Amino acid sequence: QVTLVESGGGLVQAGGSLRLSCAASGDTICISAMGWYRQAPGKERELVARITSGGLANYAPSMRGRFTISRDNAKNMVYRQLNSLNPEDTAVYYCNAEFIYAKSRRVERDYWGQGTQVTVSS
C-alpha cells in the first residue's frame, strides 16, 4: 500500500505565495510521474502541473509563469511553488502519482492523495 500525503496548504492573502509538498510512502515503488491537480468549489478537477522522473514538466497554460513544479526522486517527493496567488486559486490541491510497485510490478497510473486546502483571501 502507498500513501500520498500533501502538506503546505492554508490561508494566504492575495499576492502571496505557498509551497506545497507531497510525499509518497509505504511500499517500495518506482515513480514515473507526479503531479498536482486542483478542484475549486463547484468545478471539475483540473491539471495544474505534472513532472516526470526525468524532470520533464508539463503545466496547464493558465498556470504557467506563476506556479513551479519540482521533485526529489530520492525522497519520492514533489513540490509546488505557488506565487502571485489570487482568490481564483482557492481550491483543494491534490497530489497525483503514476508508479510501479517494485515487488509485484503492478502499475498504478492514477493514484491520489487526500488533498490540501488552499484559500486565498482578497
N, C-alpha and C. Protein backbone atom coordinates (compact mmCIF):
# COMPACT_ATOMS: atom_id res chain seq x y z
N GLN A 1 0.85 -1.19 0.00
CA GLN A 1 0.00 0.00 0.00
C GLN A 1 0.89 1.24 0.00
N VAL A 2 0.42 2.26 -0.71
CA VAL A 2 1.15 3.52 -0.83
C VAL A 2 0.26 4.65 -0.36
N THR A 3 0.84 5.61 0.29
CA THR A 3 0.12 6.80 0.72
C THR A 3 0.80 8.03 0.15
N LEU A 4 0.00 8.92 -0.40
CA LEU A 4 0.48 10.23 -0.84
C LEU A 4 -0.02 11.25 0.16
N VAL A 5 0.88 11.97 0.78
CA VAL A 5 0.49 12.93 1.81
C VAL A 5 0.89 14.33 1.36
N GLU A 6 -0.11 15.19 1.22
CA GLU A 6 0.14 16.58 0.84
C GLU A 6 0.28 17.44 2.09
N SER A 7 1.06 18.50 1.97
CA SER A 7 1.19 19.46 3.07
C SER A 7 1.52 20.83 2.48
N GLY A 8 1.36 21.85 3.29
CA GLY A 8 1.73 23.19 2.89
C GLY A 8 0.56 24.09 2.52
N GLY A 9 -0.64 23.55 2.51
CA GLY A 9 -1.78 24.38 2.20
C GLY A 9 -2.13 25.30 3.35
N GLY A 10 -3.09 26.18 3.13
CA GLY A 10 -3.51 27.08 4.18
C GLY A 10 -4.15 28.33 3.63
N LEU A 11 -4.23 29.34 4.47
CA LEU A 11 -4.84 30.61 4.12
C LEU A 11 -3.73 31.62 3.81
N VAL A 12 -3.87 32.29 2.69
CA VAL A 12 -2.88 33.29 2.29
C VAL A 12 -3.60 34.47 1.65
N GLN A 13 -3.03 35.63 1.77
CA GLN A 13 -3.61 36.82 1.16
C GLN A 13 -3.27 36.88 -0.32
N ALA A 14 -4.10 37.54 -1.06
CA ALA A 14 -3.86 37.71 -2.50
C ALA A 14 -2.48 38.32 -2.72
N GLY A 15 -1.77 37.79 -3.69
CA GLY A 15 -0.42 38.23 -3.96
C GLY A 15 0.65 37.44 -3.24
N GLY A 16 0.23 36.62 -2.30
CA GLY A 16 1.17 35.83 -1.52
C GLY A 16 1.59 34.56 -2.21
N SER A 17 2.37 33.76 -1.49
CA SER A 17 2.93 32.52 -2.05
C SER A 17 2.76 31.38 -1.06
N LEU A 18 2.73 30.17 -1.61
CA LEU A 18 2.70 28.96 -0.81
C LEU A 18 3.57 27.92 -1.49
N ARG A 19 4.10 27.01 -0.70
CA ARG A 19 4.83 25.88 -1.25
C ARG A 19 4.17 24.60 -0.77
N LEU A 20 3.64 23.85 -1.70
CA LEU A 20 3.00 22.58 -1.39
C LEU A 20 4.00 21.45 -1.56
N SER A 21 3.90 20.46 -0.69
CA SER A 21 4.74 19.27 -0.79
C SER A 21 3.87 18.03 -0.81
N CYS A 22 4.37 17.01 -1.47
CA CYS A 22 3.69 15.72 -1.49
C CYS A 22 4.73 14.63 -1.32
N ALA A 23 4.50 13.78 -0.35
CA ALA A 23 5.44 12.70 -0.08
C ALA A 23 4.75 11.36 -0.28
N ALA A 24 5.42 10.48 -1.00
CA ALA A 24 4.92 9.12 -1.20
C ALA A 24 5.62 8.20 -0.22
N SER A 25 4.84 7.41 0.49
CA SER A 25 5.43 6.48 1.46
C SER A 25 4.68 5.16 1.41
N GLY A 26 5.29 4.15 2.02
CA GLY A 26 4.67 2.83 2.06
C GLY A 26 5.53 1.83 1.31
N ASP A 27 4.90 1.05 0.45
CA ASP A 27 5.61 0.03 -0.31
C ASP A 27 6.67 0.67 -1.20
N THR A 28 7.67 -0.10 -1.51
CA THR A 28 8.72 0.37 -2.42
C THR A 28 8.15 0.47 -3.83
N ILE A 29 8.27 1.67 -4.39
CA ILE A 29 7.72 1.92 -5.70
C ILE A 29 8.73 2.64 -6.58
N CYS A 30 8.49 2.58 -7.86
CA CYS A 30 9.29 3.35 -8.82
C CYS A 30 8.35 4.34 -9.48
N ILE A 31 8.51 5.60 -9.16
CA ILE A 31 7.59 6.62 -9.64
C ILE A 31 8.03 7.12 -11.01
N SER A 32 7.10 7.12 -11.94
CA SER A 32 7.41 7.64 -13.28
C SER A 32 6.99 9.09 -13.42
N ALA A 33 5.93 9.48 -12.74
CA ALA A 33 5.47 10.87 -12.83
C ALA A 33 4.66 11.23 -11.59
N MET A 34 4.75 12.49 -11.21
CA MET A 34 3.94 13.02 -10.12
C MET A 34 3.41 14.37 -10.57
N GLY A 35 2.28 14.73 -10.00
CA GLY A 35 1.71 15.99 -10.42
C GLY A 35 0.75 16.56 -9.40
N TRP A 36 0.26 17.75 -9.73
CA TRP A 36 -0.72 18.45 -8.90
C TRP A 36 -1.95 18.77 -9.73
N TYR A 37 -3.10 18.55 -9.13
CA TYR A 37 -4.38 18.93 -9.69
C TYR A 37 -5.08 19.77 -8.64
N ARG A 38 -6.10 20.48 -9.06
CA ARG A 38 -6.89 21.24 -8.09
C ARG A 38 -8.36 21.19 -8.44
N GLN A 39 -9.18 21.35 -7.43
CA GLN A 39 -10.62 21.37 -7.63
C GLN A 39 -11.21 22.47 -6.78
N ALA A 40 -11.76 23.46 -7.46
CA ALA A 40 -12.42 24.57 -6.79
C ALA A 40 -13.88 24.20 -6.55
N PRO A 41 -14.54 24.85 -5.60
CA PRO A 41 -15.95 24.54 -5.32
C PRO A 41 -16.81 24.68 -6.56
N GLY A 42 -17.57 23.65 -6.84
CA GLY A 42 -18.48 23.67 -7.98
C GLY A 42 -17.83 23.45 -9.33
N LYS A 43 -16.54 23.15 -9.34
CA LYS A 43 -15.83 22.96 -10.61
C LYS A 43 -15.20 21.58 -10.67
N GLU A 44 -14.83 21.18 -11.88
CA GLU A 44 -14.18 19.90 -12.06
C GLU A 44 -12.71 19.98 -11.66
N ARG A 45 -12.16 18.83 -11.35
CA ARG A 45 -10.74 18.77 -11.03
C ARG A 45 -9.93 19.05 -12.30
N GLU A 46 -8.89 19.86 -12.17
CA GLU A 46 -8.11 20.24 -13.33
C GLU A 46 -6.62 20.09 -13.05
N LEU A 47 -5.87 19.83 -14.11
CA LEU A 47 -4.43 19.72 -14.00
C LEU A 47 -3.82 21.07 -13.68
N VAL A 48 -2.86 21.07 -12.77
CA VAL A 48 -2.06 22.25 -12.51
C VAL A 48 -0.70 22.06 -13.17
N ALA A 49 -0.03 20.97 -12.82
CA ALA A 49 1.26 20.66 -13.44
C ALA A 49 1.63 19.22 -13.14
N ARG A 50 2.50 18.68 -13.97
CA ARG A 50 2.94 17.30 -13.82
C ARG A 50 4.41 17.24 -14.20
N ILE A 51 5.17 16.36 -13.53
CA ILE A 51 6.59 16.25 -13.83
C ILE A 51 6.99 14.79 -13.85
N THR A 52 7.81 14.42 -14.82
CA THR A 52 8.27 13.04 -14.93
C THR A 52 9.51 12.82 -14.07
N SER A 53 9.91 11.56 -13.95
CA SER A 53 11.12 11.25 -13.18
C SER A 53 12.35 11.86 -13.83
N GLY A 54 12.27 12.10 -15.13
CA GLY A 54 13.39 12.73 -15.82
C GLY A 54 13.40 14.24 -15.73
N GLY A 55 12.37 14.81 -15.06
CA GLY A 55 12.34 16.25 -14.87
C GLY A 55 11.57 17.02 -15.93
N LEU A 56 10.89 16.31 -16.81
CA LEU A 56 10.11 17.00 -17.84
C LEU A 56 8.79 17.45 -17.24
N ALA A 57 8.56 18.77 -17.23
CA ALA A 57 7.38 19.34 -16.60
C ALA A 57 6.37 19.78 -17.64
N ASN A 58 5.11 19.57 -17.30
CA ASN A 58 4.01 19.98 -18.14
C ASN A 58 3.06 20.82 -17.31
N TYR A 59 2.77 22.04 -17.74
CA TYR A 59 1.91 22.95 -17.00
C TYR A 59 0.62 23.20 -17.78
N ALA A 60 -0.46 23.37 -17.03
CA ALA A 60 -1.67 23.89 -17.65
C ALA A 60 -1.37 25.31 -18.11
N PRO A 61 -1.82 25.69 -19.29
CA PRO A 61 -1.45 27.00 -19.85
C PRO A 61 -1.75 28.16 -18.90
N SER A 62 -2.83 28.09 -18.17
CA SER A 62 -3.19 29.20 -17.28
C SER A 62 -2.32 29.26 -16.04
N MET A 63 -1.56 28.18 -15.78
CA MET A 63 -0.75 28.12 -14.58
C MET A 63 0.71 28.50 -14.84
N ARG A 64 1.09 28.44 -16.09
CA ARG A 64 2.50 28.65 -16.41
C ARG A 64 2.91 30.07 -16.06
N GLY A 65 4.07 30.20 -15.44
CA GLY A 65 4.59 31.51 -15.08
C GLY A 65 4.43 31.83 -13.61
N ARG A 66 3.32 31.40 -13.01
CA ARG A 66 3.11 31.68 -11.58
C ARG A 66 3.45 30.48 -10.70
N PHE A 67 3.31 29.30 -11.27
CA PHE A 67 3.49 28.09 -10.49
C PHE A 67 4.71 27.33 -11.01
N THR A 68 5.45 26.71 -10.10
CA THR A 68 6.62 25.93 -10.47
C THR A 68 6.55 24.57 -9.79
N ILE A 69 6.76 23.52 -10.56
CA ILE A 69 6.76 22.17 -10.00
C ILE A 69 8.19 21.63 -10.01
N SER A 70 8.52 20.88 -8.98
CA SER A 70 9.84 20.24 -8.90
C SER A 70 9.69 18.94 -8.13
N ARG A 71 10.71 18.08 -8.18
CA ARG A 71 10.61 16.83 -7.45
C ARG A 71 11.97 16.38 -6.97
N ASP A 72 11.93 15.55 -5.95
CA ASP A 72 13.13 14.93 -5.39
C ASP A 72 12.93 13.42 -5.53
N ASN A 73 13.55 12.85 -6.54
CA ASN A 73 13.34 11.43 -6.83
C ASN A 73 13.80 10.55 -5.68
N ALA A 74 14.87 10.95 -5.02
CA ALA A 74 15.42 10.12 -3.94
C ALA A 74 14.45 10.04 -2.76
N LYS A 75 13.68 11.09 -2.57
CA LYS A 75 12.75 11.13 -1.43
C LYS A 75 11.31 10.82 -1.84
N ASN A 76 11.10 10.56 -3.12
CA ASN A 76 9.73 10.34 -3.62
C ASN A 76 8.81 11.50 -3.25
N MET A 77 9.30 12.70 -3.50
CA MET A 77 8.51 13.88 -3.17
C MET A 77 8.38 14.79 -4.38
N VAL A 78 7.28 15.53 -4.41
CA VAL A 78 7.08 16.54 -5.43
C VAL A 78 6.65 17.83 -4.73
N TYR A 79 7.07 18.94 -5.27
CA TYR A 79 6.82 20.24 -4.67
C TYR A 79 6.11 21.14 -5.68
N ARG A 80 5.41 22.11 -5.14
CA ARG A 80 4.69 23.04 -5.98
C ARG A 80 4.80 24.42 -5.37
N GLN A 81 5.50 25.31 -6.04
CA GLN A 81 5.61 26.68 -5.59
C GLN A 81 4.51 27.49 -6.25
N LEU A 82 3.67 28.10 -5.45
CA LEU A 82 2.57 28.91 -5.95
C LEU A 82 2.87 30.37 -5.64
N ASN A 83 2.98 31.19 -6.65
CA ASN A 83 3.28 32.61 -6.47
C ASN A 83 2.14 33.45 -7.02
N SER A 84 2.11 34.70 -6.56
CA SER A 84 1.11 35.67 -7.03
C SER A 84 -0.29 35.08 -6.97
N LEU A 85 -0.61 34.50 -5.83
CA LEU A 85 -1.92 33.86 -5.70
C LEU A 85 -3.04 34.87 -5.73
N ASN A 86 -4.17 34.46 -6.28
CA ASN A 86 -5.37 35.29 -6.29
C ASN A 86 -6.54 34.45 -5.82
N PRO A 87 -7.65 35.08 -5.47
CA PRO A 87 -8.78 34.31 -4.92
C PRO A 87 -9.26 33.19 -5.84
N GLU A 88 -9.07 33.33 -7.15
CA GLU A 88 -9.48 32.27 -8.07
C GLU A 88 -8.62 31.00 -7.94
N ASP A 89 -7.52 31.10 -7.23
CA ASP A 89 -6.69 29.92 -6.99
C ASP A 89 -7.17 29.12 -5.77
N THR A 90 -8.19 29.60 -5.09
CA THR A 90 -8.74 28.88 -3.95
C THR A 90 -9.31 27.54 -4.42
N ALA A 91 -8.81 26.46 -3.82
CA ALA A 91 -9.20 25.13 -4.24
C ALA A 91 -8.56 24.10 -3.31
N VAL A 92 -9.01 22.87 -3.45
CA VAL A 92 -8.29 21.75 -2.84
C VAL A 92 -7.26 21.27 -3.86
N TYR A 93 -6.03 21.19 -3.46
CA TYR A 93 -4.94 20.78 -4.34
C TYR A 93 -4.58 19.33 -4.02
N TYR A 94 -4.60 18.51 -5.07
CA TYR A 94 -4.37 17.08 -4.92
C TYR A 94 -3.05 16.67 -5.57
N CYS A 95 -2.35 15.79 -4.88
CA CYS A 95 -1.15 15.17 -5.45
C CYS A 95 -1.58 13.91 -6.22
N ASN A 96 -0.93 13.66 -7.33
CA ASN A 96 -1.22 12.51 -8.17
C ASN A 96 0.08 11.84 -8.57
N ALA A 97 0.08 10.53 -8.63
CA ALA A 97 1.31 9.82 -9.00
C ALA A 97 1.02 8.63 -9.90
N GLU A 98 1.98 8.34 -10.75
CA GLU A 98 1.97 7.15 -11.59
C GLU A 98 3.23 6.37 -11.24
N PHE A 99 3.07 5.10 -10.87
CA PHE A 99 4.23 4.34 -10.41
C PHE A 99 4.04 2.85 -10.60
N ILE A 100 5.13 2.12 -10.36
CA ILE A 100 5.13 0.66 -10.41
C ILE A 100 5.57 0.14 -9.05
N TYR A 101 4.85 -0.82 -8.52
CA TYR A 101 5.27 -1.47 -7.30
C TYR A 101 6.52 -2.30 -7.59
N ALA A 102 7.56 -2.10 -6.80
CA ALA A 102 8.84 -2.77 -7.07
C ALA A 102 8.73 -4.28 -6.96
N LYS A 103 7.93 -4.76 -6.02
CA LYS A 103 7.87 -6.20 -5.77
C LYS A 103 6.96 -6.91 -6.76
N SER A 104 5.75 -6.41 -6.94
CA SER A 104 4.77 -7.09 -7.80
C SER A 104 4.80 -6.63 -9.23
N ARG A 105 5.43 -5.49 -9.51
CA ARG A 105 5.49 -4.86 -10.83
C ARG A 105 4.10 -4.39 -11.29
N ARG A 106 3.18 -4.31 -10.35
CA ARG A 106 1.85 -3.79 -10.69
C ARG A 106 1.94 -2.29 -10.94
N VAL A 107 1.22 -1.84 -11.94
CA VAL A 107 1.26 -0.43 -12.34
C VAL A 107 0.06 0.31 -11.78
N GLU A 108 0.33 1.45 -11.18
CA GLU A 108 -0.72 2.38 -10.77
C GLU A 108 -0.58 3.63 -11.64
N ARG A 109 -1.58 3.91 -12.42
CA ARG A 109 -1.48 5.03 -13.36
C ARG A 109 -2.11 6.31 -12.83
N ASP A 110 -2.94 6.19 -11.78
CA ASP A 110 -3.70 7.36 -11.36
C ASP A 110 -3.95 7.25 -9.86
N TYR A 111 -2.96 7.58 -9.06
CA TYR A 111 -3.03 7.41 -7.61
C TYR A 111 -3.11 8.78 -6.96
N TRP A 112 -4.03 8.93 -6.00
CA TRP A 112 -4.33 10.26 -5.47
C TRP A 112 -4.06 10.38 -3.98
N GLY A 113 -3.66 11.58 -3.58
CA GLY A 113 -3.61 11.92 -2.18
C GLY A 113 -4.96 12.44 -1.73
N GLN A 114 -5.05 12.81 -0.45
CA GLN A 114 -6.32 13.27 0.11
C GLN A 114 -6.59 14.73 -0.19
N GLY A 115 -5.57 15.47 -0.55
CA GLY A 115 -5.76 16.87 -0.89
C GLY A 115 -5.43 17.80 0.25
N THR A 116 -5.04 19.02 -0.11
CA THR A 116 -4.77 20.05 0.88
C THR A 116 -5.46 21.34 0.43
N GLN A 117 -6.13 21.99 1.35
CA GLN A 117 -6.91 23.18 1.03
C GLN A 117 -6.01 24.40 0.93
N VAL A 118 -6.19 25.15 -0.15
CA VAL A 118 -5.54 26.45 -0.31
C VAL A 118 -6.65 27.49 -0.44
N THR A 119 -6.63 28.47 0.44
CA THR A 119 -7.62 29.54 0.42
C THR A 119 -6.91 30.87 0.30
N VAL A 120 -7.28 31.63 -0.73
CA VAL A 120 -6.66 32.93 -0.98
C VAL A 120 -7.69 34.02 -0.69
N SER A 121 -7.37 34.89 0.23
CA SER A 121 -8.29 35.97 0.59
C SER A 121 -7.95 37.23 -0.18
N SER A 122 -8.98 37.99 -0.49
CA SER A 122 -8.77 39.22 -1.28
C SER A 122 -8.45 40.40 -0.39
